[in-house]
Amino acid sequence: MLIEISIPTQSLRLYAQGALLRQYAVSTASNGVGCLKNSGCTPIGGHIIRAKIGENALENTVFVGRRPTGEVFSPDLMAQYPRRDWILTRILWLSGTEPGVNRLGQVDTMQRYIYIHGAPDSATMGQPGSHGCIRMRNAELIELFDLVTVGTPVTILDAPHPHWVETMHA
């Protein structure tokens, strides 16, 4: 398995043995691309899934600090906590693999707590809007979560990959 995330197309693609298995719309950082701590940007480059969190949790389970709060997201809960950065359903915690780019020091993806995670149904996919993480629709995240393992490579691209351009226009 291999995951490729394209910032320009706001898409996540899952491959197995070079064949495209799934494609999902995502939402990356509204601050754009960047690897620095506290930037609020989505990091680029090679990563792996460091941890899978939330297996068997109910869809819309609310996570804070990678722990379920006991809450299930609802519009009423959102109204009660309008400033909360909603991390829902599942978490795929990423770790950079490129020292000086997205690993160690001031650019460490894992220490920045960058995840692929679920978002409220009202969150727009296909355009930037997160605080640095990669947001997905909850049902699609559950599907992805069940297909990947810890250690799955994840590449985050800030330019379209050549084979993406071919299939985007097909």
N, C-alpha and C. Protein backbone atom coordinates (compact mmCIF):
# COMPACT_ATOMS: atom_id res chain seq x y z
N MET A 1 0.84 -1.19 0.00
CA MET A 1 0.00 0.00 0.00
C MET A 1 0.89 1.25 0.00
N LEU A 2 0.36 2.28 -0.61
CA LEU A 2 1.04 3.57 -0.69
C LEU A 2 -0.04 4.64 -0.78
N ILE A 3 0.12 5.71 -0.03
CA ILE A 3 -0.79 6.86 -0.08
C ILE A 3 -0.05 8.03 -0.70
N GLU A 4 -0.69 8.70 -1.65
CA GLU A 4 -0.19 9.96 -2.20
C GLU A 4 -1.26 11.02 -1.98
N ILE A 5 -0.83 12.15 -1.44
CA ILE A 5 -1.72 13.28 -1.21
C ILE A 5 -1.23 14.44 -2.06
N SER A 6 -2.11 14.99 -2.87
CA SER A 6 -1.77 16.13 -3.73
C SER A 6 -2.38 17.40 -3.14
N ILE A 7 -1.52 18.34 -2.78
CA ILE A 7 -2.00 19.63 -2.28
C ILE A 7 -2.76 20.38 -3.38
N PRO A 8 -2.22 20.47 -4.63
CA PRO A 8 -2.94 21.22 -5.67
C PRO A 8 -4.33 20.68 -5.98
N THR A 9 -4.49 19.35 -5.98
CA THR A 9 -5.78 18.79 -6.33
C THR A 9 -6.63 18.45 -5.12
N GLN A 10 -6.06 18.64 -3.90
CA GLN A 10 -6.77 18.33 -2.65
C GLN A 10 -7.34 16.92 -2.71
N SER A 11 -6.48 15.98 -3.11
CA SER A 11 -6.88 14.59 -3.27
C SER A 11 -5.92 13.66 -2.55
N LEU A 12 -6.46 12.54 -2.11
CA LEU A 12 -5.67 11.46 -1.54
C LEU A 12 -5.93 10.23 -2.40
N ARG A 13 -4.85 9.57 -2.80
CA ARG A 13 -4.95 8.35 -3.59
C ARG A 13 -4.26 7.22 -2.86
N LEU A 14 -4.92 6.07 -2.83
CA LEU A 14 -4.38 4.87 -2.22
C LEU A 14 -4.06 3.88 -3.34
N TYR A 15 -2.80 3.40 -3.35
CA TYR A 15 -2.33 2.45 -4.34
C TYR A 15 -1.93 1.14 -3.68
N ALA A 16 -2.11 0.04 -4.40
CA ALA A 16 -1.59 -1.27 -4.01
C ALA A 16 -0.90 -1.84 -5.23
N GLN A 17 0.38 -2.16 -5.08
CA GLN A 17 1.18 -2.72 -6.17
C GLN A 17 1.05 -1.88 -7.44
N GLY A 18 1.05 -0.55 -7.28
CA GLY A 18 1.01 0.37 -8.41
C GLY A 18 -0.36 0.64 -8.98
N ALA A 19 -1.38 -0.08 -8.53
CA ALA A 19 -2.74 0.12 -9.03
C ALA A 19 -3.53 1.03 -8.10
N LEU A 20 -4.24 1.98 -8.67
CA LEU A 20 -5.08 2.87 -7.89
C LEU A 20 -6.27 2.10 -7.32
N LEU A 21 -6.38 2.09 -5.98
CA LEU A 21 -7.50 1.41 -5.31
C LEU A 21 -8.63 2.37 -4.96
N ARG A 22 -8.27 3.53 -4.43
CA ARG A 22 -9.26 4.50 -3.96
C ARG A 22 -8.73 5.91 -4.20
N GLN A 23 -9.67 6.83 -4.36
CA GLN A 23 -9.34 8.25 -4.42
C GLN A 23 -10.38 9.01 -3.62
N TYR A 24 -9.91 9.94 -2.81
CA TYR A 24 -10.79 10.72 -1.93
C TYR A 24 -10.45 12.20 -2.02
N ALA A 25 -11.46 13.04 -1.91
CA ALA A 25 -11.24 14.48 -1.73
C ALA A 25 -10.83 14.72 -0.28
N VAL A 26 -9.87 15.62 -0.09
CA VAL A 26 -9.40 15.96 1.26
C VAL A 26 -9.37 17.47 1.40
N SER A 27 -9.03 17.91 2.60
CA SER A 27 -8.81 19.33 2.86
C SER A 27 -7.52 19.47 3.65
N THR A 28 -6.55 20.18 3.06
CA THR A 28 -5.27 20.41 3.72
C THR A 28 -5.28 21.82 4.33
N ALA A 29 -4.14 22.29 4.76
CA ALA A 29 -4.05 23.53 5.54
C ALA A 29 -4.45 24.79 4.78
N SER A 30 -5.24 25.61 5.43
CA SER A 30 -5.58 26.91 4.85
C SER A 30 -4.35 27.81 4.78
N ASN A 31 -3.31 27.53 5.59
CA ASN A 31 -2.06 28.30 5.55
C ASN A 31 -1.11 27.83 4.46
N GLY A 32 -1.49 26.81 3.70
CA GLY A 32 -0.65 26.33 2.61
C GLY A 32 0.32 25.25 3.05
N VAL A 33 1.42 25.17 2.32
CA VAL A 33 2.42 24.12 2.49
C VAL A 33 3.57 24.64 3.33
N GLY A 34 4.05 23.82 4.25
CA GLY A 34 5.23 24.16 5.05
C GLY A 34 5.46 23.14 6.13
N CYS A 35 6.70 23.04 6.54
CA CYS A 35 7.07 22.00 7.50
C CYS A 35 7.45 22.55 8.88
N LEU A 36 7.53 23.85 9.04
CA LEU A 36 7.97 24.41 10.32
C LEU A 36 6.93 24.24 11.42
N LYS A 37 7.41 23.97 12.63
CA LYS A 37 6.54 23.90 13.80
C LYS A 37 5.76 25.20 13.93
N ASN A 38 4.54 25.10 14.40
CA ASN A 38 3.65 26.24 14.66
C ASN A 38 3.29 27.04 13.42
N SER A 39 3.50 26.48 12.23
CA SER A 39 3.19 27.22 11.00
C SER A 39 1.73 27.08 10.61
N GLY A 40 1.07 26.02 11.08
CA GLY A 40 -0.30 25.76 10.65
C GLY A 40 -0.38 25.31 9.20
N CYS A 41 0.75 24.86 8.65
CA CYS A 41 0.83 24.43 7.26
C CYS A 41 0.87 22.90 7.18
N THR A 42 0.52 22.38 6.02
CA THR A 42 0.64 20.95 5.76
C THR A 42 2.05 20.65 5.29
N PRO A 43 2.73 19.68 5.94
CA PRO A 43 4.10 19.34 5.53
C PRO A 43 4.13 18.55 4.24
N ILE A 44 5.23 18.64 3.51
CA ILE A 44 5.40 17.91 2.26
C ILE A 44 6.42 16.80 2.43
N GLY A 45 6.52 15.97 1.40
CA GLY A 45 7.55 14.95 1.35
C GLY A 45 7.09 13.59 1.81
N GLY A 46 8.08 12.73 2.06
CA GLY A 46 7.83 11.36 2.46
C GLY A 46 7.49 11.23 3.93
N HIS A 47 6.50 10.43 4.21
CA HIS A 47 6.04 10.15 5.57
C HIS A 47 5.68 8.67 5.67
N ILE A 48 5.40 8.25 6.88
CA ILE A 48 4.78 6.94 7.12
C ILE A 48 3.65 7.14 8.11
N ILE A 49 2.73 6.18 8.12
CA ILE A 49 1.72 6.17 9.18
C ILE A 49 2.40 5.64 10.43
N ARG A 50 2.53 6.48 11.43
CA ARG A 50 3.21 6.14 12.68
C ARG A 50 2.29 5.36 13.60
N ALA A 51 1.02 5.75 13.62
CA ALA A 51 0.05 5.10 14.51
C ALA A 51 -1.34 5.23 13.92
N LYS A 52 -2.15 4.22 14.21
CA LYS A 52 -3.58 4.22 13.86
C LYS A 52 -4.34 4.30 15.18
N ILE A 53 -5.17 5.31 15.31
CA ILE A 53 -5.87 5.57 16.57
C ILE A 53 -7.37 5.62 16.32
N GLY A 54 -8.12 4.91 17.15
CA GLY A 54 -9.58 4.98 17.08
C GLY A 54 -10.25 3.79 16.44
N GLU A 55 -9.52 2.69 16.28
CA GLU A 55 -10.14 1.51 15.68
C GLU A 55 -11.40 1.14 16.45
N ASN A 56 -12.47 0.88 15.72
CA ASN A 56 -13.79 0.51 16.28
C ASN A 56 -14.52 1.64 17.00
N ALA A 57 -13.99 2.85 16.99
CA ALA A 57 -14.72 3.98 17.57
C ALA A 57 -15.94 4.28 16.69
N LEU A 58 -16.98 4.80 17.28
CA LEU A 58 -18.16 5.20 16.52
C LEU A 58 -17.79 6.31 15.54
N GLU A 59 -18.46 6.33 14.40
CA GLU A 59 -18.29 7.46 13.48
C GLU A 59 -18.67 8.74 14.23
N ASN A 60 -17.89 9.79 14.04
CA ASN A 60 -18.06 11.11 14.68
C ASN A 60 -17.59 11.14 16.13
N THR A 61 -16.88 10.09 16.61
CA THR A 61 -16.25 10.17 17.93
C THR A 61 -15.30 11.35 17.93
N VAL A 62 -15.32 12.14 18.99
CA VAL A 62 -14.48 13.32 19.13
C VAL A 62 -13.18 12.92 19.84
N PHE A 63 -12.04 13.34 19.26
CA PHE A 63 -10.73 13.11 19.85
C PHE A 63 -10.09 14.43 20.23
N VAL A 64 -9.47 14.46 21.40
CA VAL A 64 -8.64 15.58 21.84
C VAL A 64 -7.37 14.97 22.40
N GLY A 65 -6.22 15.44 21.93
CA GLY A 65 -4.96 14.86 22.37
C GLY A 65 -4.87 13.37 22.05
N ARG A 66 -5.45 12.96 20.92
CA ARG A 66 -5.45 11.58 20.43
C ARG A 66 -6.24 10.62 21.32
N ARG A 67 -7.08 11.15 22.18
CA ARG A 67 -7.90 10.32 23.07
C ARG A 67 -9.37 10.66 22.84
N PRO A 68 -10.24 9.63 22.82
CA PRO A 68 -11.67 9.92 22.69
C PRO A 68 -12.17 10.65 23.93
N THR A 69 -12.98 11.68 23.72
CA THR A 69 -13.49 12.49 24.84
C THR A 69 -14.75 11.90 25.45
N GLY A 70 -15.35 10.92 24.76
CA GLY A 70 -16.65 10.40 25.18
C GLY A 70 -17.79 11.11 24.48
N GLU A 71 -17.46 12.13 23.70
CA GLU A 71 -18.46 12.89 22.95
C GLU A 71 -18.60 12.31 21.55
N VAL A 72 -19.77 12.49 20.98
CA VAL A 72 -20.02 12.20 19.57
C VAL A 72 -20.43 13.51 18.93
N PHE A 73 -19.72 13.89 17.87
CA PHE A 73 -19.95 15.18 17.23
C PHE A 73 -21.40 15.33 16.79
N SER A 74 -21.93 16.55 17.00
CA SER A 74 -23.26 16.93 16.54
C SER A 74 -23.25 18.43 16.30
N PRO A 75 -24.21 18.95 15.55
CA PRO A 75 -24.31 20.40 15.37
C PRO A 75 -24.45 21.14 16.71
N ASP A 76 -25.16 20.54 17.68
CA ASP A 76 -25.29 21.17 18.99
C ASP A 76 -23.95 21.27 19.70
N LEU A 77 -23.13 20.21 19.61
CA LEU A 77 -21.81 20.23 20.22
C LEU A 77 -20.92 21.27 19.54
N MET A 78 -21.04 21.37 18.22
CA MET A 78 -20.27 22.37 17.48
C MET A 78 -20.66 23.79 17.91
N ALA A 79 -21.96 24.01 18.14
CA ALA A 79 -22.42 25.32 18.60
C ALA A 79 -21.90 25.62 20.00
N GLN A 80 -21.78 24.58 20.81
CA GLN A 80 -21.28 24.74 22.18
C GLN A 80 -19.78 25.07 22.21
N TYR A 81 -19.02 24.51 21.25
CA TYR A 81 -17.57 24.71 21.18
C TYR A 81 -17.18 25.18 19.77
N PRO A 82 -17.54 26.40 19.40
CA PRO A 82 -17.35 26.84 18.01
C PRO A 82 -15.88 26.97 17.58
N ARG A 83 -14.95 27.08 18.50
CA ARG A 83 -13.54 27.27 18.13
C ARG A 83 -12.72 25.97 18.16
N ARG A 84 -13.34 24.88 18.50
CA ARG A 84 -12.62 23.61 18.59
C ARG A 84 -12.20 23.14 17.20
N ASP A 85 -10.98 22.63 17.10
CA ASP A 85 -10.49 22.01 15.86
C ASP A 85 -10.95 20.56 15.92
N TRP A 86 -12.00 20.22 15.20
CA TRP A 86 -12.66 18.93 15.31
C TRP A 86 -11.83 17.82 14.67
N ILE A 87 -11.40 16.88 15.49
CA ILE A 87 -10.69 15.68 15.04
C ILE A 87 -11.62 14.52 15.38
N LEU A 88 -12.17 13.91 14.32
CA LEU A 88 -13.26 12.95 14.49
C LEU A 88 -12.93 11.56 13.92
N THR A 89 -13.56 10.57 14.49
CA THR A 89 -13.73 9.21 13.96
C THR A 89 -12.48 8.32 14.03
N ARG A 90 -11.40 8.71 13.38
CA ARG A 90 -10.15 7.96 13.35
C ARG A 90 -9.00 8.94 13.17
N ILE A 91 -7.80 8.49 13.55
CA ILE A 91 -6.58 9.28 13.35
C ILE A 91 -5.52 8.37 12.74
N LEU A 92 -4.93 8.82 11.66
CA LEU A 92 -3.72 8.22 11.10
C LEU A 92 -2.61 9.25 11.35
N TRP A 93 -1.78 8.98 12.36
CA TRP A 93 -0.74 9.92 12.79
C TRP A 93 0.47 9.74 11.88
N LEU A 94 0.94 10.82 11.29
CA LEU A 94 2.05 10.77 10.33
C LEU A 94 3.38 11.10 10.99
N SER A 95 4.43 10.48 10.46
CA SER A 95 5.80 10.77 10.87
C SER A 95 6.61 11.00 9.61
N GLY A 96 7.37 12.09 9.58
CA GLY A 96 8.22 12.38 8.43
C GLY A 96 9.36 11.38 8.32
N THR A 97 9.86 11.21 7.11
CA THR A 97 10.97 10.29 6.87
C THR A 97 12.19 11.00 6.30
N GLU A 98 12.12 12.33 6.16
CA GLU A 98 13.21 13.07 5.53
C GLU A 98 13.82 14.06 6.53
N PRO A 99 14.95 13.66 7.18
CA PRO A 99 15.59 14.57 8.15
C PRO A 99 15.88 15.94 7.53
N GLY A 100 15.52 16.97 8.28
CA GLY A 100 15.73 18.35 7.82
C GLY A 100 14.62 18.88 6.94
N VAL A 101 13.76 17.99 6.45
CA VAL A 101 12.61 18.41 5.63
C VAL A 101 11.33 18.30 6.46
N ASN A 102 11.08 17.09 7.00
CA ASN A 102 9.86 16.87 7.77
C ASN A 102 10.10 15.96 8.99
N ARG A 103 11.37 15.82 9.35
CA ARG A 103 11.74 14.97 10.49
C ARG A 103 12.85 15.65 11.29
N LEU A 104 12.68 15.64 12.59
CA LEU A 104 13.64 16.17 13.56
C LEU A 104 13.64 17.71 13.59
N GLY A 105 14.14 18.24 14.70
CA GLY A 105 14.28 19.68 14.84
C GLY A 105 12.98 20.44 14.72
N GLN A 106 13.02 21.55 14.01
CA GLN A 106 11.88 22.46 13.88
C GLN A 106 10.91 22.06 12.77
N VAL A 107 11.14 20.90 12.14
CA VAL A 107 10.30 20.48 11.02
C VAL A 107 9.72 19.08 11.21
N ASP A 108 9.58 18.63 12.43
CA ASP A 108 9.19 17.25 12.70
C ASP A 108 7.67 17.07 12.62
N THR A 109 7.20 16.38 11.58
CA THR A 109 5.77 16.16 11.36
C THR A 109 5.12 15.47 12.56
N MET A 110 5.76 14.45 13.11
CA MET A 110 5.18 13.72 14.24
C MET A 110 5.03 14.64 15.45
N GLN A 111 6.06 15.42 15.76
CA GLN A 111 6.00 16.33 16.91
C GLN A 111 5.01 17.47 16.68
N ARG A 112 4.65 17.72 15.43
CA ARG A 112 3.64 18.72 15.10
C ARG A 112 2.23 18.14 15.20
N TYR A 113 2.12 16.83 15.43
CA TYR A 113 0.82 16.15 15.53
C TYR A 113 0.01 16.33 14.25
N ILE A 114 0.64 15.98 13.14
CA ILE A 114 -0.03 16.04 11.84
C ILE A 114 -0.67 14.69 11.57
N TYR A 115 -1.97 14.71 11.30
CA TYR A 115 -2.76 13.51 11.12
C TYR A 115 -3.54 13.56 9.80
N ILE A 116 -3.99 12.39 9.38
CA ILE A 116 -5.13 12.27 8.48
C ILE A 116 -6.27 11.93 9.41
N HIS A 117 -7.32 12.76 9.44
CA HIS A 117 -8.40 12.54 10.41
C HIS A 117 -9.75 12.94 9.83
N GLY A 118 -10.79 12.49 10.52
CA GLY A 118 -12.15 12.82 10.12
C GLY A 118 -12.51 14.25 10.50
N ALA A 119 -13.52 14.77 9.83
CA ALA A 119 -13.98 16.14 10.03
C ALA A 119 -15.51 16.17 10.02
N PRO A 120 -16.09 17.25 10.55
CA PRO A 120 -17.55 17.37 10.49
C PRO A 120 -18.05 17.30 9.05
N ASP A 121 -19.26 16.79 8.87
CA ASP A 121 -19.86 16.71 7.54
C ASP A 121 -19.96 18.08 6.88
N SER A 122 -20.02 19.13 7.68
CA SER A 122 -20.13 20.48 7.14
C SER A 122 -18.79 21.01 6.62
N ALA A 123 -17.67 20.34 6.93
CA ALA A 123 -16.36 20.78 6.45
C ALA A 123 -16.27 20.55 4.94
N THR A 124 -15.81 21.55 4.23
CA THR A 124 -15.69 21.45 2.78
C THR A 124 -14.44 20.67 2.42
N MET A 125 -14.61 19.68 1.56
CA MET A 125 -13.48 18.92 1.02
C MET A 125 -13.16 19.45 -0.37
N GLY A 126 -11.92 19.20 -0.81
CA GLY A 126 -11.51 19.65 -2.13
C GLY A 126 -10.94 21.04 -2.15
N GLN A 127 -10.80 21.64 -0.96
CA GLN A 127 -10.15 22.95 -0.86
C GLN A 127 -9.51 23.06 0.51
N PRO A 128 -8.44 23.86 0.63
CA PRO A 128 -7.76 24.00 1.91
C PRO A 128 -8.69 24.56 2.98
N GLY A 129 -8.49 24.08 4.23
CA GLY A 129 -9.32 24.58 5.32
C GLY A 129 -8.87 24.12 6.70
N SER A 130 -7.87 23.23 6.76
CA SER A 130 -7.46 22.67 8.05
C SER A 130 -6.40 23.55 8.72
N HIS A 131 -5.97 23.11 9.89
CA HIS A 131 -4.91 23.80 10.64
C HIS A 131 -3.55 23.15 10.41
N GLY A 132 -3.43 22.32 9.38
CA GLY A 132 -2.18 21.65 9.05
C GLY A 132 -2.36 20.19 8.71
N CYS A 133 -3.37 19.57 9.31
CA CYS A 133 -3.65 18.15 9.06
C CYS A 133 -4.34 17.96 7.72
N ILE A 134 -4.57 16.69 7.40
CA ILE A 134 -5.33 16.32 6.21
C ILE A 134 -6.68 15.82 6.69
N ARG A 135 -7.73 16.56 6.37
CA ARG A 135 -9.10 16.20 6.77
C ARG A 135 -9.74 15.34 5.69
N MET A 136 -10.58 14.40 6.16
CA MET A 136 -11.36 13.55 5.25
C MET A 136 -12.79 13.43 5.75
N ARG A 137 -13.67 13.00 4.88
CA ARG A 137 -15.03 12.63 5.28
C ARG A 137 -14.92 11.39 6.16
N ASN A 138 -15.75 11.30 7.18
CA ASN A 138 -15.66 10.24 8.18
C ASN A 138 -15.80 8.84 7.60
N ALA A 139 -16.81 8.60 6.78
CA ALA A 139 -17.01 7.27 6.21
C ALA A 139 -15.84 6.86 5.33
N GLU A 140 -15.28 7.82 4.59
CA GLU A 140 -14.14 7.52 3.73
C GLU A 140 -12.89 7.24 4.56
N LEU A 141 -12.73 7.96 5.66
CA LEU A 141 -11.59 7.73 6.55
C LEU A 141 -11.67 6.33 7.17
N ILE A 142 -12.85 5.91 7.57
CA ILE A 142 -13.00 4.56 8.12
C ILE A 142 -12.57 3.52 7.08
N GLU A 143 -12.99 3.72 5.84
CA GLU A 143 -12.59 2.80 4.77
C GLU A 143 -11.07 2.79 4.61
N LEU A 144 -10.45 3.96 4.53
CA LEU A 144 -9.00 4.06 4.38
C LEU A 144 -8.29 3.42 5.58
N PHE A 145 -8.74 3.74 6.78
CA PHE A 145 -8.15 3.23 8.03
C PHE A 145 -8.09 1.71 8.01
N ASP A 146 -9.16 1.09 7.52
CA ASP A 146 -9.23 -0.37 7.50
C ASP A 146 -8.35 -0.99 6.42
N LEU A 147 -7.93 -0.20 5.43
CA LEU A 147 -7.12 -0.72 4.33
C LEU A 147 -5.61 -0.59 4.56
N VAL A 148 -5.19 0.33 5.44
CA VAL A 148 -3.76 0.60 5.62
C VAL A 148 -3.26 0.04 6.95
N THR A 149 -1.94 -0.02 7.07
CA THR A 149 -1.30 -0.49 8.29
C THR A 149 -0.31 0.55 8.78
N VAL A 150 0.11 0.40 10.04
CA VAL A 150 1.21 1.22 10.55
C VAL A 150 2.42 0.94 9.66
N GLY A 151 3.11 1.99 9.26
CA GLY A 151 4.26 1.87 8.37
C GLY A 151 3.95 2.13 6.92
N THR A 152 2.67 2.25 6.56
CA THR A 152 2.30 2.56 5.18
C THR A 152 2.94 3.87 4.76
N PRO A 153 3.66 3.90 3.61
CA PRO A 153 4.24 5.15 3.13
C PRO A 153 3.17 6.15 2.69
N VAL A 154 3.42 7.42 3.01
CA VAL A 154 2.53 8.52 2.63
C VAL A 154 3.42 9.61 2.03
N THR A 155 3.13 9.99 0.80
CA THR A 155 3.87 11.09 0.17
C THR A 155 2.92 12.25 -0.02
N ILE A 156 3.33 13.42 0.47
CA ILE A 156 2.52 14.63 0.32
C ILE A 156 3.23 15.51 -0.70
N LEU A 157 2.55 15.75 -1.81
CA LEU A 157 3.11 16.46 -2.95
C LEU A 157 2.55 17.87 -3.05
N ASP A 158 3.45 18.84 -3.30
CA ASP A 158 2.97 20.22 -3.48
C ASP A 158 2.87 20.60 -4.94
N ALA A 159 3.08 19.64 -5.82
CA ALA A 159 2.87 19.81 -7.26
C ALA A 159 2.21 18.52 -7.74
N PRO A 160 1.37 18.60 -8.75
CA PRO A 160 0.74 17.37 -9.24
C PRO A 160 1.78 16.37 -9.72
N HIS A 161 1.61 15.13 -9.34
CA HIS A 161 2.48 14.05 -9.82
C HIS A 161 2.13 13.83 -11.28
N PRO A 162 3.12 13.56 -12.14
CA PRO A 162 2.83 13.41 -13.58
C PRO A 162 1.71 12.42 -13.89
N HIS A 163 1.62 11.29 -13.18
CA HIS A 163 0.55 10.34 -13.51
C HIS A 163 -0.82 10.83 -13.02
N TRP A 164 -0.84 11.79 -12.08
CA TRP A 164 -2.12 12.37 -11.64
C TRP A 164 -2.69 13.23 -12.76
N VAL A 165 -1.83 13.99 -13.42
CA VAL A 165 -2.29 14.89 -14.46
C VAL A 165 -2.98 14.08 -15.55
N GLU A 166 -2.38 12.94 -15.93
CA GLU A 166 -2.97 12.09 -16.97
C GLU A 166 -4.36 11.62 -16.57
N THR A 167 -4.52 11.15 -15.33
CA THR A 167 -5.82 10.57 -14.94
C THR A 167 -6.83 11.63 -14.56
N MET A 168 -6.39 12.83 -14.18
CA MET A 168 -7.34 13.88 -13.84
C MET A 168 -8.11 14.34 -15.06
N HIS A 169 -7.49 14.24 -16.23
CA HIS A 169 -8.12 14.74 -17.46
C HIS A 169 -8.70 13.62 -18.31
N ALA A 170 -8.63 12.40 -17.83
CA ALA A 170 -9.13 11.25 -18.61
C ALA A 170 -10.65 11.20 -18.58
